Amino acid sequence: MIRECNAADFEDIYRVINDAAQAYRNIIPADRWEEPYMPRKELREEIAAGVAFRGYEEDGELAGVMGTQDVQDVTLIRHAYVRTARRNQGIGGKILAKIIDEATPPILIGTWADAV
């Protein structure tokens, strides 16, 4: 089930992001990598800045999350992560499809310029 995340999901969002980010350890530019990849303080700041998360929940557990942020006339896709153990099952694609289906402004998806 894909659903909007709320304040009660904060720790689960944090865990999903930092578990999933391990797959990008040598892909994300080294000057942008830290442990944890996204500290709680940064996640709180992102949410306070308007990033709203959707989550893919199965059996009571968030398996993946994806954030959106409306900026001017576009919706940005931010922080798309799927737990390591649940990768390659189409979870990210399902969340993205739901976001696209419900979006009205143009959508912008970006990544690190140095990512290979």
N, C-alpha and C. Protein backbone atom coordinates (compact mmCIF):
# COMPACT_ATOMS: atom_id res chain seq x y z
N MET A 1 0.84 -1.16 0.00
CA MET A 1 0.00 0.00 0.00
C MET A 1 0.89 1.24 0.00
N ILE A 2 0.56 2.19 -0.85
CA ILE A 2 1.27 3.46 -0.89
C ILE A 2 0.43 4.49 -0.12
N ARG A 3 1.09 5.19 0.78
CA ARG A 3 0.36 6.15 1.61
C ARG A 3 1.24 7.35 1.92
N GLU A 4 0.58 8.42 2.34
CA GLU A 4 1.31 9.59 2.81
C GLU A 4 1.90 9.26 4.17
N CYS A 5 3.13 9.67 4.37
CA CYS A 5 3.77 9.49 5.67
C CYS A 5 3.43 10.68 6.56
N ASN A 6 3.50 10.45 7.88
CA ASN A 6 3.21 11.52 8.83
C ASN A 6 4.31 11.56 9.88
N ALA A 7 4.14 12.45 10.86
CA ALA A 7 5.16 12.64 11.88
C ALA A 7 5.50 11.35 12.62
N ALA A 8 4.54 10.47 12.79
CA ALA A 8 4.79 9.21 13.49
C ALA A 8 5.71 8.28 12.70
N ASP A 9 5.89 8.55 11.41
CA ASP A 9 6.74 7.72 10.55
C ASP A 9 8.19 8.19 10.52
N PHE A 10 8.52 9.26 11.24
CA PHE A 10 9.84 9.87 11.13
C PHE A 10 10.97 8.85 11.26
N GLU A 11 10.98 8.07 12.32
CA GLU A 11 12.07 7.12 12.54
C GLU A 11 12.13 6.06 11.45
N ASP A 12 10.98 5.61 10.96
CA ASP A 12 10.98 4.63 9.87
C ASP A 12 11.53 5.24 8.59
N ILE A 13 11.15 6.48 8.29
CA ILE A 13 11.69 7.17 7.11
C ILE A 13 13.21 7.27 7.23
N TYR A 14 13.67 7.69 8.40
CA TYR A 14 15.10 7.81 8.68
C TYR A 14 15.82 6.48 8.44
N ARG A 15 15.26 5.39 8.95
CA ARG A 15 15.88 4.08 8.78
C ARG A 15 15.88 3.62 7.32
N VAL A 16 14.78 3.84 6.61
CA VAL A 16 14.72 3.45 5.19
C VAL A 16 15.79 4.20 4.41
N ILE A 17 15.86 5.52 4.59
CA ILE A 17 16.83 6.32 3.85
C ILE A 17 18.25 5.84 4.10
N ASN A 18 18.60 5.65 5.35
CA ASN A 18 19.98 5.30 5.67
C ASN A 18 20.34 3.86 5.36
N ASP A 19 19.37 2.97 5.40
CA ASP A 19 19.62 1.60 4.94
C ASP A 19 19.82 1.59 3.43
N ALA A 20 18.90 2.22 2.72
CA ALA A 20 18.95 2.20 1.25
C ALA A 20 20.16 2.94 0.71
N ALA A 21 20.59 3.99 1.38
CA ALA A 21 21.72 4.78 0.90
C ALA A 21 23.01 3.98 0.83
N GLN A 22 23.10 2.89 1.55
CA GLN A 22 24.31 2.07 1.51
C GLN A 22 24.61 1.59 0.09
N ALA A 23 23.59 1.42 -0.71
CA ALA A 23 23.79 0.98 -2.10
C ALA A 23 24.50 2.04 -2.93
N TYR A 24 24.50 3.27 -2.45
CA TYR A 24 25.08 4.39 -3.20
C TYR A 24 26.40 4.86 -2.61
N ARG A 25 26.93 4.10 -1.67
CA ARG A 25 28.15 4.50 -0.95
C ARG A 25 29.27 4.92 -1.90
N ASN A 26 29.52 4.24 -2.95
CA ASN A 26 30.61 4.58 -3.88
C ASN A 26 30.11 5.26 -5.15
N ILE A 27 28.84 5.63 -5.16
CA ILE A 27 28.27 6.32 -6.31
C ILE A 27 28.06 7.79 -6.00
N ILE A 28 27.52 8.08 -4.84
CA ILE A 28 27.35 9.46 -4.40
C ILE A 28 28.74 10.05 -4.22
N PRO A 29 28.97 11.26 -4.71
CA PRO A 29 30.30 11.87 -4.56
C PRO A 29 30.79 11.82 -3.12
N ALA A 30 32.06 11.48 -2.95
CA ALA A 30 32.63 11.29 -1.62
C ALA A 30 32.47 12.51 -0.72
N ASP A 31 32.50 13.70 -1.31
CA ASP A 31 32.36 14.91 -0.50
C ASP A 31 30.94 15.14 -0.02
N ARG A 32 30.00 14.30 -0.47
CA ARG A 32 28.60 14.40 -0.05
C ARG A 32 28.18 13.23 0.84
N TRP A 33 29.07 12.25 1.02
CA TRP A 33 28.75 11.07 1.82
C TRP A 33 29.12 11.31 3.28
N GLU A 34 28.23 10.91 4.18
CA GLU A 34 28.51 10.92 5.60
C GLU A 34 27.77 9.77 6.25
N GLU A 35 28.13 9.47 7.47
CA GLU A 35 27.46 8.42 8.25
C GLU A 35 26.77 9.04 9.45
N PRO A 36 25.49 8.88 9.63
CA PRO A 36 24.59 8.30 8.63
C PRO A 36 24.50 9.20 7.41
N TYR A 37 24.08 8.64 6.30
CA TYR A 37 23.99 9.41 5.08
C TYR A 37 23.12 10.65 5.28
N MET A 38 21.94 10.46 5.88
CA MET A 38 21.08 11.60 6.21
C MET A 38 20.82 11.59 7.72
N PRO A 39 21.49 12.48 8.45
CA PRO A 39 21.25 12.58 9.89
C PRO A 39 19.82 13.03 10.19
N ARG A 40 19.36 12.74 11.37
CA ARG A 40 17.99 13.13 11.78
C ARG A 40 17.77 14.63 11.62
N LYS A 41 18.77 15.42 11.99
CA LYS A 41 18.65 16.88 11.90
C LYS A 41 18.37 17.30 10.45
N GLU A 42 19.09 16.72 9.52
CA GLU A 42 18.89 17.05 8.11
C GLU A 42 17.51 16.61 7.63
N LEU A 43 17.08 15.43 8.04
CA LEU A 43 15.75 14.96 7.65
C LEU A 43 14.68 15.90 8.20
N ARG A 44 14.83 16.31 9.45
CA ARG A 44 13.87 17.27 10.02
C ARG A 44 13.85 18.58 9.21
N GLU A 45 15.03 19.05 8.81
CA GLU A 45 15.12 20.28 8.03
C GLU A 45 14.45 20.12 6.66
N GLU A 46 14.63 18.98 6.04
CA GLU A 46 14.01 18.72 4.73
C GLU A 46 12.48 18.74 4.87
N ILE A 47 11.97 18.09 5.89
CA ILE A 47 10.52 18.07 6.11
C ILE A 47 10.01 19.48 6.42
N ALA A 48 10.74 20.21 7.25
CA ALA A 48 10.34 21.58 7.58
C ALA A 48 10.36 22.48 6.33
N ALA A 49 11.22 22.16 5.37
CA ALA A 49 11.31 22.95 4.13
C ALA A 49 10.23 22.57 3.12
N GLY A 50 9.39 21.58 3.47
CA GLY A 50 8.28 21.25 2.60
C GLY A 50 8.35 19.91 1.89
N VAL A 51 9.35 19.09 2.20
CA VAL A 51 9.41 17.76 1.59
C VAL A 51 8.36 16.88 2.28
N ALA A 52 7.45 16.34 1.48
CA ALA A 52 6.40 15.45 1.98
C ALA A 52 6.71 14.05 1.46
N PHE A 53 6.71 13.08 2.35
CA PHE A 53 7.05 11.72 1.97
C PHE A 53 5.82 10.86 1.74
N ARG A 54 5.95 9.99 0.75
CA ARG A 54 5.01 8.89 0.53
C ARG A 54 5.79 7.62 0.85
N GLY A 55 5.09 6.63 1.35
CA GLY A 55 5.76 5.39 1.68
C GLY A 55 5.03 4.19 1.11
N TYR A 56 5.79 3.17 0.81
CA TYR A 56 5.25 1.88 0.40
C TYR A 56 5.30 1.01 1.64
N GLU A 57 4.12 0.67 2.15
CA GLU A 57 4.02 -0.12 3.37
C GLU A 57 3.50 -1.51 3.06
N GLU A 58 4.15 -2.49 3.67
CA GLU A 58 3.71 -3.87 3.51
C GLU A 58 3.93 -4.58 4.84
N ASP A 59 2.92 -5.27 5.31
CA ASP A 59 2.97 -5.99 6.58
C ASP A 59 3.39 -5.06 7.73
N GLY A 60 2.89 -3.81 7.69
CA GLY A 60 3.16 -2.86 8.76
C GLY A 60 4.54 -2.23 8.74
N GLU A 61 5.31 -2.45 7.68
CA GLU A 61 6.66 -1.91 7.60
C GLU A 61 6.82 -1.05 6.35
N LEU A 62 7.47 0.12 6.52
CA LEU A 62 7.80 0.94 5.35
C LEU A 62 8.96 0.28 4.63
N ALA A 63 8.75 -0.08 3.38
CA ALA A 63 9.79 -0.71 2.58
C ALA A 63 10.49 0.31 1.69
N GLY A 64 9.81 1.41 1.42
CA GLY A 64 10.40 2.45 0.57
C GLY A 64 9.72 3.77 0.82
N VAL A 65 10.45 4.85 0.53
CA VAL A 65 9.91 6.20 0.67
C VAL A 65 10.36 7.05 -0.50
N MET A 66 9.57 8.07 -0.78
CA MET A 66 9.92 9.04 -1.81
C MET A 66 9.30 10.36 -1.40
N GLY A 67 10.10 11.41 -1.48
CA GLY A 67 9.61 12.72 -1.10
C GLY A 67 9.29 13.58 -2.31
N THR A 68 8.36 14.51 -2.11
CA THR A 68 8.07 15.52 -3.12
C THR A 68 8.15 16.88 -2.44
N GLN A 69 8.49 17.87 -3.25
CA GLN A 69 8.55 19.23 -2.74
C GLN A 69 8.10 20.16 -3.85
N ASP A 70 7.07 20.94 -3.59
CA ASP A 70 6.60 21.91 -4.58
C ASP A 70 7.46 23.16 -4.48
N VAL A 71 8.08 23.52 -5.60
CA VAL A 71 8.93 24.70 -5.68
C VAL A 71 8.54 25.46 -6.93
N GLN A 72 8.09 26.68 -6.73
CA GLN A 72 7.60 27.52 -7.82
C GLN A 72 6.56 26.76 -8.62
N ASP A 73 6.83 26.45 -9.88
CA ASP A 73 5.82 25.81 -10.73
C ASP A 73 6.11 24.34 -11.02
N VAL A 74 6.96 23.70 -10.22
CA VAL A 74 7.26 22.29 -10.43
C VAL A 74 7.17 21.51 -9.12
N THR A 75 6.99 20.21 -9.25
CA THR A 75 7.10 19.29 -8.12
C THR A 75 8.43 18.57 -8.26
N LEU A 76 9.28 18.71 -7.26
CA LEU A 76 10.57 18.02 -7.24
C LEU A 76 10.39 16.65 -6.61
N ILE A 77 11.02 15.65 -7.19
CA ILE A 77 11.10 14.32 -6.56
C ILE A 77 12.37 14.34 -5.74
N ARG A 78 12.24 14.08 -4.45
CA ARG A 78 13.37 14.17 -3.53
C ARG A 78 13.47 12.89 -2.70
N HIS A 79 14.66 12.45 -2.46
CA HIS A 79 14.90 11.38 -1.49
C HIS A 79 14.10 10.11 -1.78
N ALA A 80 14.42 9.46 -2.87
CA ALA A 80 13.76 8.21 -3.26
C ALA A 80 14.62 7.03 -2.80
N TYR A 81 14.09 6.23 -1.87
CA TYR A 81 14.87 5.14 -1.28
C TYR A 81 13.99 3.92 -1.02
N VAL A 82 14.60 2.75 -1.24
CA VAL A 82 13.95 1.47 -0.94
C VAL A 82 14.93 0.66 -0.09
N ARG A 83 14.40 0.05 0.97
CA ARG A 83 15.26 -0.77 1.85
C ARG A 83 16.08 -1.76 1.02
N THR A 84 17.31 -1.97 1.43
CA THR A 84 18.23 -2.86 0.73
C THR A 84 17.60 -4.23 0.48
N ALA A 85 16.97 -4.79 1.48
CA ALA A 85 16.38 -6.13 1.37
C ALA A 85 15.19 -6.17 0.42
N ARG A 86 14.64 -5.03 0.05
CA ARG A 86 13.44 -4.99 -0.79
C ARG A 86 13.71 -4.41 -2.19
N ARG A 87 14.95 -4.18 -2.51
CA ARG A 87 15.30 -3.61 -3.82
C ARG A 87 14.93 -4.57 -4.95
N ASN A 88 14.77 -3.99 -6.13
CA ASN A 88 14.50 -4.74 -7.36
C ASN A 88 13.17 -5.48 -7.32
N GLN A 89 12.20 -4.92 -6.61
CA GLN A 89 10.86 -5.51 -6.55
C GLN A 89 9.81 -4.54 -7.10
N GLY A 90 10.26 -3.43 -7.69
CA GLY A 90 9.34 -2.47 -8.28
C GLY A 90 8.73 -1.47 -7.31
N ILE A 91 9.21 -1.45 -6.08
CA ILE A 91 8.63 -0.57 -5.06
C ILE A 91 8.82 0.90 -5.42
N GLY A 92 10.03 1.28 -5.78
CA GLY A 92 10.29 2.67 -6.16
C GLY A 92 9.44 3.10 -7.33
N GLY A 93 9.31 2.23 -8.31
CA GLY A 93 8.48 2.53 -9.48
C GLY A 93 7.02 2.70 -9.12
N LYS A 94 6.54 1.92 -8.18
CA LYS A 94 5.14 2.04 -7.76
C LYS A 94 4.89 3.37 -7.05
N ILE A 95 5.84 3.77 -6.19
CA ILE A 95 5.67 5.05 -5.50
C ILE A 95 5.72 6.18 -6.52
N LEU A 96 6.69 6.12 -7.42
CA LEU A 96 6.82 7.17 -8.43
C LEU A 96 5.58 7.25 -9.32
N ALA A 97 5.05 6.13 -9.73
CA ALA A 97 3.84 6.12 -10.57
C ALA A 97 2.68 6.78 -9.84
N LYS A 98 2.53 6.52 -8.55
CA LYS A 98 1.46 7.13 -7.76
C LYS A 98 1.64 8.64 -7.69
N ILE A 99 2.86 9.08 -7.48
CA ILE A 99 3.14 10.52 -7.42
C ILE A 99 2.83 11.17 -8.76
N ILE A 100 3.26 10.56 -9.85
CA ILE A 100 3.02 11.10 -11.18
C ILE A 100 1.52 11.17 -11.46
N ASP A 101 0.79 10.12 -11.10
CA ASP A 101 -0.66 10.09 -11.32
C ASP A 101 -1.37 11.23 -10.60
N GLU A 102 -0.87 11.61 -9.44
CA GLU A 102 -1.55 12.62 -8.63
C GLU A 102 -1.00 14.03 -8.81
N ALA A 103 0.10 14.18 -9.51
CA ALA A 103 0.73 15.49 -9.65
C ALA A 103 0.01 16.33 -10.70
N THR A 104 -0.08 17.62 -10.42
CA THR A 104 -0.64 18.53 -11.42
C THR A 104 0.42 19.39 -12.08
N PRO A 105 1.40 19.92 -11.32
CA PRO A 105 2.42 20.70 -12.00
C PRO A 105 3.45 19.78 -12.67
N PRO A 106 4.34 20.32 -13.49
CA PRO A 106 5.41 19.49 -14.05
C PRO A 106 6.26 18.89 -12.92
N ILE A 107 6.86 17.73 -13.20
CA ILE A 107 7.69 17.03 -12.23
C ILE A 107 9.14 17.10 -12.68
N LEU A 108 10.03 17.33 -11.72
CA LEU A 108 11.46 17.38 -12.00
C LEU A 108 12.16 16.37 -11.11
N ILE A 109 12.93 15.48 -11.73
CA ILE A 109 13.71 14.47 -11.00
C ILE A 109 15.17 14.73 -11.30
N GLY A 110 15.97 14.85 -10.27
CA GLY A 110 17.40 15.10 -10.46
C GLY A 110 18.24 14.15 -9.66
N THR A 111 19.54 14.18 -9.92
CA THR A 111 20.50 13.38 -9.16
C THR A 111 21.82 14.14 -9.15
N TRP A 112 22.81 13.58 -8.49
CA TRP A 112 24.12 14.21 -8.43
C TRP A 112 24.73 14.28 -9.83
N ALA A 113 25.32 15.41 -10.18
CA ALA A 113 25.97 15.55 -11.49
C ALA A 113 27.14 14.59 -11.61
N ASP A 114 27.81 14.28 -10.49
CA ASP A 114 28.96 13.39 -10.51
C ASP A 114 28.62 11.92 -10.39
N ALA A 115 27.33 11.59 -10.23
CA ALA A 115 26.93 10.19 -10.10
C ALA A 115 27.20 9.45 -11.40
N VAL A 116 27.73 8.25 -11.28
CA VAL A 116 28.00 7.44 -12.48
C VAL A 116 27.16 6.17 -12.44
